[in-house]
């Protein structure tokens, strides 16, 4: 990873941490904060469904109590992240259903991947395809992508939930 990529990754993590700190005090309906939430139409306008994962750049755990963030670059040169949200960011319904929440983070905006949606199916396909294709020196563990796709499909919680 170049120094410019490292700086960008650190900036993205700081954004996630900053948003996360705001989320800790938020009501269920405020997750993520209103000023950083976005509708899928924005990604549709950017043809997100046509993007393929060119590179899996790695993952990290922001200082928010346990979310996991996976970093990707598309074949269109766009960076995006897939956030496996910790239960502090789940709605009451998500907690009741014991349903893992996933978000796409792109250009400082969070897009919730709704269960059983076209967006969910598309992301599962992207992850599965990338896991099959990405291998060799300089590539991150493709088995992790397979596991991530399975978790997205099942929505089995990655965390223990309270309430």
Protein backbone atom coordinates (compact mmCIF):
# COMPACT_ATOMS: atom_id res chain seq x y z
CA UNK A 1 0.00 0.00 0.00
CA UNK A 2 1.43 3.39 -0.97
CA UNK A 3 1.65 6.27 1.48
CA UNK A 4 -1.22 8.04 -0.33
CA UNK A 5 -3.40 4.93 0.03
CA UNK A 6 -2.44 4.68 3.71
CA UNK A 7 -3.46 8.31 4.28
CA UNK A 8 -6.78 7.75 2.48
CA UNK A 9 -7.44 4.58 4.50
CA UNK A 10 -6.68 6.39 7.75
CA UNK A 11 -8.96 9.27 6.72
CA UNK A 12 -11.76 6.79 5.98
CA UNK A 13 -11.27 5.11 9.36
CA UNK A 14 -11.40 8.50 11.09
CA UNK A 15 -14.69 9.23 9.30
CA UNK A 16 -16.08 5.90 10.45
CA UNK A 17 -14.91 6.53 14.00
CA UNK A 18 -16.37 10.05 14.01
CA UNK A 19 -19.69 8.78 12.69
CA UNK A 20 -19.58 5.93 15.18
CA UNK A 21 -19.10 8.24 18.13
CA UNK A 22 -22.19 10.12 17.05
CA UNK A 23 -24.08 6.85 16.70
CA UNK A 24 -23.45 5.77 20.28
CA UNK A 25 -25.77 8.50 21.55
CA UNK A 26 -28.30 8.26 18.74
CA UNK A 27 -31.80 6.80 18.76
CA UNK A 28 -32.44 3.69 16.67
CA UNK A 29 -33.99 5.69 13.85
CA UNK A 30 -30.92 7.93 13.65
CA UNK A 31 -28.48 5.20 12.62
CA UNK A 32 -26.28 6.16 10.87
CA UNK A 33 -26.57 9.93 11.55
CA UNK A 34 -28.93 11.73 9.19
CA UNK A 35 -26.22 13.87 7.64
CA UNK A 36 -24.29 10.80 6.47
CA UNK A 37 -27.18 8.52 5.46
CA UNK A 38 -28.01 8.17 1.80
CA UNK A 39 -30.52 6.43 -0.44
CA UNK A 40 -29.50 3.67 -2.84
CA UNK A 41 -30.66 5.85 -5.73
CA UNK A 42 -27.41 7.80 -5.34
CA UNK A 43 -25.41 4.62 -5.94
CA UNK A 44 -27.70 3.61 -8.79
CA UNK A 45 -26.92 6.94 -10.45
CA UNK A 46 -23.24 6.00 -10.22
CA UNK A 47 -24.05 2.54 -11.68
CA UNK A 48 -22.86 0.80 -8.51
CA UNK A 49 -24.60 -2.43 -9.51
CA UNK A 50 -22.32 -2.61 -12.58
CA UNK A 51 -19.11 -2.24 -10.59
CA UNK A 52 -16.99 -5.30 -9.96
CA UNK A 53 -14.48 -5.68 -7.16
CA UNK A 54 -11.06 -5.12 -8.68
CA UNK A 55 -9.15 -5.24 -5.40
CA UNK A 56 -9.81 -6.24 -1.83
CA UNK A 57 -7.59 -3.82 0.05
CA UNK A 58 -8.03 -5.29 3.52
CA UNK A 59 -10.13 -4.71 6.59
CA UNK A 60 -9.98 -3.03 9.97
CA UNK A 61 -11.91 -2.58 13.19
CA UNK A 62 -12.71 1.07 13.95
CA UNK A 63 -12.72 2.24 17.55
CA UNK A 64 -16.50 2.05 17.90
CA UNK A 65 -17.06 -1.08 19.91
CA UNK A 66 -16.67 -3.69 17.23
CA UNK A 67 -17.77 -2.86 13.70
CA UNK A 68 -15.68 -4.39 10.96
CA UNK A 69 -14.90 -2.47 7.77
CA UNK A 70 -13.74 -4.12 4.54
CA UNK A 71 -12.02 -1.91 1.93
CA UNK A 72 -12.49 -2.39 -1.82
CA UNK A 73 -11.62 -0.79 -5.12
CA UNK A 74 -13.92 -1.28 -8.08
CA UNK A 75 -13.01 -1.91 -11.70
CA UNK A 76 -14.21 1.68 -12.29
CA UNK A 77 -11.51 3.01 -9.92
CA UNK A 78 -13.99 3.84 -7.16
CA UNK A 79 -13.21 3.08 -3.51
CA UNK A 80 -16.00 1.72 -1.32
CA UNK A 81 -16.22 -0.03 2.00
CA UNK A 82 -18.52 -2.70 3.35
CA UNK A 83 -19.33 -2.16 7.02
CA UNK A 84 -20.46 -5.02 9.24
CA UNK A 85 -22.11 -2.85 11.88
CA UNK A 86 -21.86 -3.54 15.57
CA UNK A 87 -25.24 -3.88 17.35
CA UNK A 88 -25.06 -0.34 18.74
CA UNK A 89 -26.04 0.77 15.22
CA UNK A 90 -28.88 -1.68 14.68
CA UNK A 91 -32.48 -0.60 14.80
CA UNK A 92 -34.78 -2.13 17.41
CA UNK A 93 -36.24 -4.31 14.62
CA UNK A 94 -32.77 -5.59 13.64
CA UNK A 95 -32.10 -6.51 17.26
CA UNK A 96 -35.47 -8.22 17.64
CA UNK A 97 -34.88 -10.23 14.44
CA UNK A 98 -31.20 -10.93 15.38
CA UNK A 99 -30.30 -9.60 11.94
CA UNK A 100 -26.78 -8.42 11.11
CA UNK A 101 -26.69 -4.93 9.61
CA UNK A 102 -24.50 -4.19 6.58
CA UNK A 103 -23.74 -0.77 5.12
CA UNK A 104 -21.85 0.38 2.05
CA UNK A 105 -19.69 3.43 2.68
CA UNK A 106 -18.89 5.44 -0.43
CA UNK A 107 -17.73 9.06 -0.55
CA UNK A 108 -18.54 9.64 3.14
CA UNK A 109 -22.13 8.41 2.76
CA UNK A 110 -23.65 5.29 4.33
CA UNK A 111 -26.04 3.12 2.29
CA UNK A 112 -27.90 0.45 4.23
CA UNK A 113 -28.15 -2.91 2.48
CA UNK A 114 -31.71 -4.03 3.15
CA UNK A 115 -32.30 -7.74 3.73
CA UNK A 116 -33.58 -9.71 0.73
CA UNK A 117 -33.09 -6.70 -1.57
CA UNK A 118 -31.62 -6.49 -5.05
CA UNK A 119 -28.71 -4.57 -3.52
CA UNK A 120 -28.02 -7.43 -1.10
CA UNK A 121 -28.09 -9.99 -3.92
CA UNK A 122 -25.79 -7.82 -6.03
CA UNK A 123 -23.26 -7.41 -3.20
CA UNK A 124 -23.27 -11.16 -2.49
CA UNK A 125 -22.55 -11.80 -6.18
CA UNK A 126 -19.73 -9.21 -6.20
CA UNK A 127 -18.09 -10.80 -3.15
CA UNK A 128 -18.45 -14.36 -4.46
CA UNK A 129 -17.03 -13.43 -7.86
CA UNK A 130 -14.09 -11.58 -6.32
CA UNK A 131 -13.35 -14.49 -3.97
CA UNK A 132 -13.11 -16.81 -6.99
CA UNK A 133 -10.94 -14.45 -9.04
CA UNK A 134 -8.61 -12.75 -6.54
CA UNK A 135 -5.55 -14.77 -5.63
CA UNK A 136 -1.81 -14.59 -5.69
CA UNK A 137 0.79 -12.19 -4.38
CA UNK A 138 -0.54 -8.87 -3.12
CA UNK A 139 -4.14 -10.06 -2.83
CA UNK A 140 -5.95 -10.27 0.47
CA UNK A 141 -7.46 -13.54 1.70
CA UNK A 142 -10.26 -14.52 -0.74
CA UNK A 143 -11.64 -16.95 1.87
CA UNK A 144 -12.56 -13.90 3.93
CA UNK A 145 -14.69 -12.63 1.02
CA UNK A 146 -16.48 -15.98 0.80
CA UNK A 147 -17.21 -15.84 4.53
CA UNK A 148 -18.42 -12.25 4.22
CA UNK A 149 -20.78 -13.18 1.37
CA UNK A 150 -22.21 -16.07 3.41
CA UNK A 151 -22.78 -13.82 6.42
CA UNK A 152 -24.49 -11.20 4.25
CA UNK A 153 -26.76 -13.86 2.78
CA UNK A 154 -27.68 -15.41 6.13
CA UNK A 155 -27.67 -12.17 8.15
CA UNK A 156 -26.50 -14.23 11.11
CA UNK A 157 -25.17 -11.78 13.70
CA UNK A 158 -21.42 -11.42 13.90
CA UNK A 159 -21.96 -10.11 17.44
CA UNK A 160 -23.99 -10.98 20.53
CA UNK A 161 -26.94 -8.64 20.86
CA UNK A 162 -28.65 -7.25 23.91
CA UNK A 163 -32.34 -6.45 23.83
